[in-house]
Amino acid sequence: MSAVILESTITCPHCGHAETETMPTDACQFFYDCKACGALLKPKKGDCCVFCSYGSVKCPPIQQHKSCCSG
């Protein structure tokens, strides 16, 4: 079993700003405020969290092939 990656780079779809964040391991992150343009990011339909939608790495539960929070 490979190690779980806890950092993911979120890229804002509105302005293109990229920021590396540490993902929570015990909860899904449904909202993220872009630090450049202030846009409130929400998961895309079918994704459980903002990391699965806009991050360079999927959230820890998805990396471990477990079910994530329902979004």
PDB file of N, CA and C in Angstrom:
ATOM      1  N   MET A   1       0.849  -1.187   0.000  1.00  0.00           N
ATOM      2  CA  MET A   1       0.000   0.000   0.000  1.00  0.00           C
ATOM      3  C   MET A   1       0.889   1.242   0.000  1.00  0.00           C
ATOM      4  N   SER A   2       0.628   2.156  -0.894  1.00  0.00           N
ATOM      5  CA  SER A   2       1.464   3.344  -0.990  1.00  0.00           C
ATOM      6  C   SER A   2       1.069   4.372   0.072  1.00  0.00           C
ATOM      7  N   ALA A   3       2.006   5.232   0.393  1.00  0.00           N
ATOM      8  CA  ALA A   3       1.779   6.257   1.413  1.00  0.00           C
ATOM      9  C   ALA A   3       0.758   7.276   0.917  1.00  0.00           C
ATOM     10  N   VAL A   4      -0.023   7.782   1.846  1.00  0.00           N
ATOM     11  CA  VAL A   4      -1.026   8.792   1.522  1.00  0.00           C
ATOM     12  C   VAL A   4      -0.347  10.150   1.454  1.00  0.00           C
ATOM     13  N   ILE A   5      -0.614  10.881   0.401  1.00  0.00           N
ATOM     14  CA  ILE A   5      -0.069  12.228   0.225  1.00  0.00           C
ATOM     15  C   ILE A   5      -1.029  13.201   0.889  1.00  0.00           C
ATOM     16  N   LEU A   6      -0.511  14.063   1.754  1.00  0.00           N
ATOM     17  CA  LEU A   6      -1.362  14.972   2.507  1.00  0.00           C
ATOM     18  C   LEU A   6      -1.363  16.403   1.984  1.00  0.00           C
ATOM     19  N   GLU A   7      -0.525  16.695   1.006  1.00  0.00           N
ATOM     20  CA  GLU A   7      -0.511  18.043   0.428  1.00  0.00           C
ATOM     21  C   GLU A   7      -0.993  17.992  -1.008  1.00  0.00           C
ATOM     22  N   SER A   8      -1.780  18.991  -1.374  1.00  0.00           N
ATOM     23  CA  SER A   8      -2.318  19.078  -2.721  1.00  0.00           C
ATOM     24  C   SER A   8      -2.296  20.542  -3.146  1.00  0.00           C
ATOM     25  N   THR A   9      -2.018  20.789  -4.406  1.00  0.00           N
ATOM     26  CA  THR A   9      -2.018  22.153  -4.913  1.00  0.00           C
ATOM     27  C   THR A   9      -3.364  22.432  -5.573  1.00  0.00           C
ATOM     28  N   ILE A  10      -4.116  23.347  -4.979  1.00  0.00           N
ATOM     29  CA  ILE A  10      -5.422  23.727  -5.521  1.00  0.00           C
ATOM     30  C   ILE A  10      -5.206  24.844  -6.530  1.00  0.00           C
ATOM     31  N   THR A  11      -5.773  24.687  -7.717  1.00  0.00           N
ATOM     32  CA  THR A  11      -5.689  25.707  -8.756  1.00  0.00           C
ATOM     33  C   THR A  11      -7.076  26.293  -8.973  1.00  0.00           C
ATOM     34  N   CYS A  12      -7.188  27.588  -8.811  1.00  0.00           N
ATOM     35  CA  CYS A  12      -8.463  28.280  -8.967  1.00  0.00           C
ATOM     36  C   CYS A  12      -8.874  28.280 -10.444  1.00  0.00           C
ATOM     37  N   PRO A  13     -10.091  27.817 -10.741  1.00  0.00           N
ATOM     38  CA  PRO A  13     -10.543  27.813 -12.135  1.00  0.00           C
ATOM     39  C   PRO A  13     -10.905  29.209 -12.651  1.00  0.00           C
ATOM     40  N   HIS A  14     -11.016  30.162 -11.745  1.00  0.00           N
ATOM     41  CA  HIS A  14     -11.392  31.526 -12.131  1.00  0.00           C
ATOM     42  C   HIS A  14     -10.191  32.381 -12.520  1.00  0.00           C
ATOM     43  N   CYS A  15      -9.111  32.305 -11.711  1.00  0.00           N
ATOM     44  CA  CYS A  15      -7.958  33.175 -11.981  1.00  0.00           C
ATOM     45  C   CYS A  15      -6.663  32.412 -12.249  1.00  0.00           C
ATOM     46  N   GLY A  16      -6.663  31.097 -11.996  1.00  0.00           N
ATOM     47  CA  GLY A  16      -5.476  30.296 -12.258  1.00  0.00           C
ATOM     48  C   GLY A  16      -4.458  30.268 -11.135  1.00  0.00           C
ATOM     49  N   HIS A  17      -4.741  30.966 -10.028  1.00  0.00           N
ATOM     50  CA  HIS A  17      -3.815  30.969  -8.888  1.00  0.00           C
ATOM     51  C   HIS A  17      -3.713  29.566  -8.301  1.00  0.00           C
ATOM     52  N   ALA A  18      -2.498  29.147  -7.983  1.00  0.00           N
ATOM     53  CA  ALA A  18      -2.267  27.822  -7.394  1.00  0.00           C
ATOM     54  C   ALA A  18      -1.680  27.988  -6.003  1.00  0.00           C
ATOM     55  N   GLU A  19      -2.217  27.231  -5.058  1.00  0.00           N
ATOM     56  CA  GLU A  19      -1.773  27.299  -3.671  1.00  0.00           C
ATOM     57  C   GLU A  19      -1.684  25.875  -3.121  1.00  0.00           C
ATOM     58  N   THR A  20      -0.559  25.537  -2.485  1.00  0.00           N
ATOM     59  CA  THR A  20      -0.405  24.213  -1.897  1.00  0.00           C
ATOM     60  C   THR A  20      -0.971  24.236  -0.482  1.00  0.00           C
ATOM     61  N   GLU A  21      -1.858  23.295  -0.213  1.00  0.00           N
ATOM     62  CA  GLU A  21      -2.537  23.215   1.080  1.00  0.00           C
ATOM     63  C   GLU A  21      -2.391  21.807   1.649  1.00  0.00           C
ATOM     64  N   THR A  22      -2.470  21.700   2.970  1.00  0.00           N
ATOM     65  CA  THR A  22      -2.489  20.407   3.641  1.00  0.00           C
ATOM     66  C   THR A  22      -3.935  19.965   3.757  1.00  0.00           C
ATOM     67  N   MET A  23      -4.218  18.746   3.318  1.00  0.00           N
ATOM     68  CA  MET A  23      -5.586  18.238   3.330  1.00  0.00           C
ATOM     69  C   MET A  23      -5.937  17.675   4.699  1.00  0.00           C
ATOM     70  N   PRO A  24      -7.182  17.877   5.135  1.00  0.00           N
ATOM     71  CA  PRO A  24      -7.609  17.251   6.388  1.00  0.00           C
ATOM     72  C   PRO A  24      -7.726  15.742   6.175  1.00  0.00           C
ATOM     73  N   THR A  25      -7.399  14.963   7.199  1.00  0.00           N
ATOM     74  CA  THR A  25      -7.489  13.505   7.083  1.00  0.00           C
ATOM     75  C   THR A  25      -8.775  12.968   7.699  1.00  0.00           C
ATOM     76  N   ASP A  26      -9.482  13.816   8.450  1.00  0.00           N
ATOM     77  CA  ASP A  26     -10.662  13.355   9.174  1.00  0.00           C
ATOM     78  C   ASP A  26     -11.967  13.992   8.713  1.00  0.00           C
ATOM     79  N   ALA A  27     -11.910  14.792   7.650  1.00  0.00           N
ATOM     80  CA  ALA A  27     -13.121  15.454   7.152  1.00  0.00           C
ATOM     81  C   ALA A  27     -12.905  15.891   5.716  1.00  0.00           C
ATOM     82  N   CYS A  28     -13.996  16.073   5.004  1.00  0.00           N
ATOM     83  CA  CYS A  28     -13.921  16.606   3.647  1.00  0.00           C
ATOM     84  C   CYS A  28     -13.924  18.125   3.706  1.00  0.00           C
ATOM     85  N   GLN A  29     -13.262  18.742   2.773  1.00  0.00           N
ATOM     86  CA  GLN A  29     -13.277  20.202   2.698  1.00  0.00           C
ATOM     87  C   GLN A  29     -14.171  20.588   1.523  1.00  0.00           C
ATOM     88  N   PHE A  30     -15.348  21.098   1.852  1.00  0.00           N
ATOM     89  CA  PHE A  30     -16.345  21.418   0.832  1.00  0.00           C
ATOM     90  C   PHE A  30     -16.141  22.789   0.200  1.00  0.00           C
ATOM     91  N   PHE A  31     -15.504  23.704   0.930  1.00  0.00           N
ATOM     92  CA  PHE A  31     -15.328  25.063   0.427  1.00  0.00           C
ATOM     93  C   PHE A  31     -13.870  25.474   0.535  1.00  0.00           C
ATOM     94  N   TYR A  32     -13.452  26.343  -0.393  1.00  0.00           N
ATOM     95  CA  TYR A  32     -12.086  26.871  -0.362  1.00  0.00           C
ATOM     96  C   TYR A  32     -12.129  28.276  -0.940  1.00  0.00           C
ATOM     97  N   ASP A  33     -11.560  29.231  -0.218  1.00  0.00           N
ATOM     98  CA  ASP A  33     -11.478  30.615  -0.699  1.00  0.00           C
ATOM     99  C   ASP A  33     -10.151  30.809  -1.414  1.00  0.00           C
ATOM    100  N   CYS A  34     -10.204  31.204  -2.683  1.00  0.00           N
ATOM    101  CA  CYS A  34      -8.981  31.496  -3.430  1.00  0.00           C
ATOM    102  C   CYS A  34      -8.294  32.687  -2.783  1.00  0.00           C
ATOM    103  N   LYS A  35      -7.009  32.531  -2.498  1.00  0.00           N
ATOM    104  CA  LYS A  35      -6.260  33.600  -1.840  1.00  0.00           C
ATOM    105  C   LYS A  35      -5.937  34.756  -2.778  1.00  0.00           C
ATOM    106  N   ALA A  36      -6.089  34.558  -4.086  1.00  0.00           N
ATOM    107  CA  ALA A  36      -5.785  35.628  -5.039  1.00  0.00           C
ATOM    108  C   ALA A  36      -7.027  36.438  -5.410  1.00  0.00           C
ATOM    109  N   CYS A  37      -8.080  35.756  -5.866  1.00  0.00           N
ATOM    110  CA  CYS A  37      -9.263  36.496  -6.353  1.00  0.00           C
ATOM    111  C   CYS A  37     -10.458  36.446  -5.404  1.00  0.00           C
ATOM    112  N   GLY A  38     -10.370  35.606  -4.353  1.00  0.00           N
ATOM    113  CA  GLY A  38     -11.447  35.541  -3.372  1.00  0.00           C
ATOM    114  C   GLY A  38     -12.628  34.672  -3.765  1.00  0.00           C
ATOM    115  N   ALA A  39     -12.537  33.973  -4.897  1.00  0.00           N
ATOM    116  CA  ALA A  39     -13.642  33.112  -5.336  1.00  0.00           C
ATOM    117  C   ALA A  39     -13.836  31.977  -4.336  1.00  0.00           C
ATOM    118  N   LEU A  40     -15.084  31.643  -4.057  1.00  0.00           N
ATOM    119  CA  LEU A  40     -15.406  30.521  -3.189  1.00  0.00           C
ATOM    120  C   LEU A  40     -15.556  29.286  -4.056  1.00  0.00           C
ATOM    121  N   LEU A  41     -14.635  28.348  -3.898  1.00  0.00           N
ATOM    122  CA  LEU A  41     -14.679  27.121  -4.694  1.00  0.00           C
ATOM    123  C   LEU A  41     -15.484  26.060  -3.954  1.00  0.00           C
ATOM    124  N   LYS A  42     -16.284  25.337  -4.708  1.00  0.00           N
ATOM    125  CA  LYS A  42     -17.078  24.222  -4.197  1.00  0.00           C
ATOM    126  C   LYS A  42     -16.777  23.013  -5.068  1.00  0.00           C
ATOM    127  N   PRO A  43     -16.958  21.805  -4.545  1.00  0.00           N
ATOM    128  CA  PRO A  43     -16.673  20.609  -5.358  1.00  0.00           C
ATOM    129  C   PRO A  43     -17.542  20.558  -6.609  1.00  0.00           C
ATOM    130  N   LYS A  44     -16.968  20.044  -7.691  1.00  0.00           N
ATOM    131  CA  LYS A  44     -17.741  19.811  -8.920  1.00  0.00           C
ATOM    132  C   LYS A  44     -18.705  18.660  -8.667  1.00  0.00           C
ATOM    133  N   LYS A  45     -19.762  18.608  -9.439  1.00  0.00           N
ATOM    134  CA  LYS A  45     -20.746  17.538  -9.313  1.00  0.00           C
ATOM    135  C   LYS A  45     -20.047  16.183  -9.446  1.00  0.00           C
ATOM    136  N   GLY A  46     -20.306  15.300  -8.493  1.00  0.00           N
ATOM    137  CA  GLY A  46     -19.698  13.975  -8.505  1.00  0.00           C
ATOM    138  C   GLY A  46     -18.423  13.867  -7.684  1.00  0.00           C
ATOM    139  N   ASP A  47     -17.846  15.000  -7.288  1.00  0.00           N
ATOM    140  CA  ASP A  47     -16.648  14.987  -6.448  1.00  0.00           C
ATOM    141  C   ASP A  47     -17.040  15.226  -5.000  1.00  0.00           C
ATOM    142  N   CYS A  48     -16.242  14.684  -4.073  1.00  0.00           N
ATOM    143  CA  CYS A  48     -16.586  14.783  -2.652  1.00  0.00           C
ATOM    144  C   CYS A  48     -16.043  16.044  -1.982  1.00  0.00           C
ATOM    145  N   CYS A  49     -14.994  16.642  -2.558  1.00  0.00           N
ATOM    146  CA  CYS A  49     -14.390  17.802  -1.906  1.00  0.00           C
ATOM    147  C   CYS A  49     -13.640  18.660  -2.931  1.00  0.00           C
ATOM    148  N   VAL A  50     -13.193  19.830  -2.492  1.00  0.00           N
ATOM    149  CA  VAL A  50     -12.483  20.738  -3.400  1.00  0.00           C
ATOM    150  C   VAL A  50     -11.146  20.169  -3.864  1.00  0.00           C
ATOM    151  N   PHE A  51     -10.525  19.305  -3.050  1.00  0.00           N
ATOM    152  CA  PHE A  51      -9.252  18.710  -3.464  1.00  0.00           C
ATOM    153  C   PHE A  51      -9.456  17.734  -4.623  1.00  0.00           C
ATOM    154  N   CYS A  52     -10.569  17.006  -4.607  1.00  0.00           N
ATOM    155  CA  CYS A  52     -10.853  16.079  -5.706  1.00  0.00           C
ATOM    156  C   CYS A  52     -11.203  16.838  -6.992  1.00  0.00           C
ATOM    157  N   SER A  53     -11.766  18.035  -6.852  1.00  0.00           N
ATOM    158  CA  SER A  53     -12.149  18.826  -8.027  1.00  0.00           C
ATOM    159  C   SER A  53     -11.019  19.692  -8.575  1.00  0.00           C
ATOM    160  N   TYR A  54     -10.274  20.342  -7.706  1.00  0.00           N
ATOM    161  CA  TYR A  54      -9.298  21.349  -8.149  1.00  0.00           C
ATOM    162  C   TYR A  54      -7.866  21.085  -7.703  1.00  0.00           C
ATOM    163  N   GLY A  55      -7.642  20.014  -6.940  1.00  0.00           N
ATOM    164  CA  GLY A  55      -6.313  19.744  -6.411  1.00  0.00           C
ATOM    165  C   GLY A  55      -5.462  18.878  -7.318  1.00  0.00           C
ATOM    166  N   SER A  56      -4.161  18.925  -7.083  1.00  0.00           N
ATOM    167  CA  SER A  56      -3.222  18.099  -7.842  1.00  0.00           C
ATOM    168  C   SER A  56      -3.228  16.665  -7.333  1.00  0.00           C
ATOM    169  N   VAL A  57      -3.747  16.459  -6.113  1.00  0.00           N
ATOM    170  CA  VAL A  57      -3.834  15.142  -5.492  1.00  0.00           C
ATOM    171  C   VAL A  57      -5.236  14.995  -4.912  1.00  0.00           C
ATOM    172  N   LYS A  58      -5.841  13.833  -5.095  1.00  0.00           N
ATOM    173  CA  LYS A  58      -7.169  13.570  -4.525  1.00  0.00           C
ATOM    174  C   LYS A  58      -7.063  13.486  -2.995  1.00  0.00           C
ATOM    175  N   CYS A  59      -8.191  13.613  -2.312  1.00  0.00           N
ATOM    176  CA  CYS A  59      -8.201  13.597  -0.845  1.00  0.00           C
ATOM    177  C   CYS A  59      -7.766  12.236  -0.293  1.00  0.00           C
ATOM    178  N   PRO A  60      -7.305  12.202   0.980  1.00  0.00           N
ATOM    179  CA  PRO A  60      -6.803  10.957   1.561  1.00  0.00           C
ATOM    180  C   PRO A  60      -7.753   9.757   1.478  1.00  0.00           C
ATOM    181  N   PRO A  61      -9.053   9.889   1.782  1.00  0.00           N
ATOM    182  CA  PRO A  61      -9.920   8.701   1.667  1.00  0.00           C
ATOM    183  C   PRO A  61      -9.978   8.138   0.239  1.00  0.00           C
ATOM    184  N   ILE A  62      -9.996   8.994  -0.754  1.00  0.00           N
ATOM    185  CA  ILE A  62     -10.038   8.540  -2.142  1.00  0.00           C
ATOM    186  C   ILE A  62      -8.703   7.881  -2.514  1.00  0.00           C
ATOM    187  N   GLN A  63      -7.585   8.424  -2.017  1.00  0.00           N
ATOM    188  CA  GLN A  63      -6.277   7.812  -2.263  1.00  0.00           C
ATOM    189  C   GLN A  63      -6.222   6.396  -1.689  1.00  0.00           C
ATOM    190  N   GLN A  64      -6.940   6.169  -0.588  1.00  0.00           N
ATOM    191  CA  GLN A  64      -6.931   4.875   0.083  1.00  0.00           C
ATOM    192  C   GLN A  64      -8.054   3.971  -0.445  1.00  0.00           C
ATOM    193  N   HIS A  65      -8.731   4.417  -1.487  1.00  0.00           N
ATOM    194  CA  HIS A  65      -9.830   3.660  -2.106  1.00  0.00           C
ATOM    195  C   HIS A  65     -10.960   3.387  -1.122  1.00  0.00           C
ATOM    196  N   LYS A  66     -11.214   4.389  -0.259  1.00  0.00           N
ATOM    197  CA  LYS A  66     -12.308   4.305   0.701  1.00  0.00           C
ATOM    198  C   LYS A  66     -13.371   5.303   0.273  1.00  0.00           C
ATOM    199  N   SER A  67     -14.559   5.160   0.823  1.00  0.00           N
ATOM    200  CA  SER A  67     -15.585   6.144   0.505  1.00  0.00           C
ATOM    201  C   SER A  67     -15.288   7.425   1.276  1.00  0.00           C
ATOM    202  N   CYS A  68     -15.602   8.516   0.654  1.00  0.00           N
ATOM    203  CA  CYS A  68     -15.382   9.820   1.247  1.00  0.00           C
ATOM    204  C   CYS A  68     -16.730  10.348   1.722  1.00  0.00           C
ATOM    205  N   CYS A  69     -16.723  11.517   2.286  1.00  0.00           N
ATOM    206  CA  CYS A  69     -17.972  12.137   2.716  1.00  0.00           C
ATOM    207  C   CYS A  69     -18.882  12.331   1.516  1.00  0.00           C
ATOM    208  N   SER A  70     -20.159  12.277   1.714  1.00  0.00           N
ATOM    209  CA  SER A  70     -21.082  12.537   0.608  1.00  0.00           C
ATOM    210  C   SER A  70     -21.209  14.032   0.429  1.00  0.00           C
ATOM    211  N   GLY A  71     -21.093  14.488  -0.824  1.00  0.00           N
ATOM    212  CA  GLY A  71     -21.087  15.923  -1.063  1.00  0.00           C
ATOM    213  C   GLY A  71     -22.325  16.441  -1.633  1.00  0.00           C
TER     214      GLY A  71
END
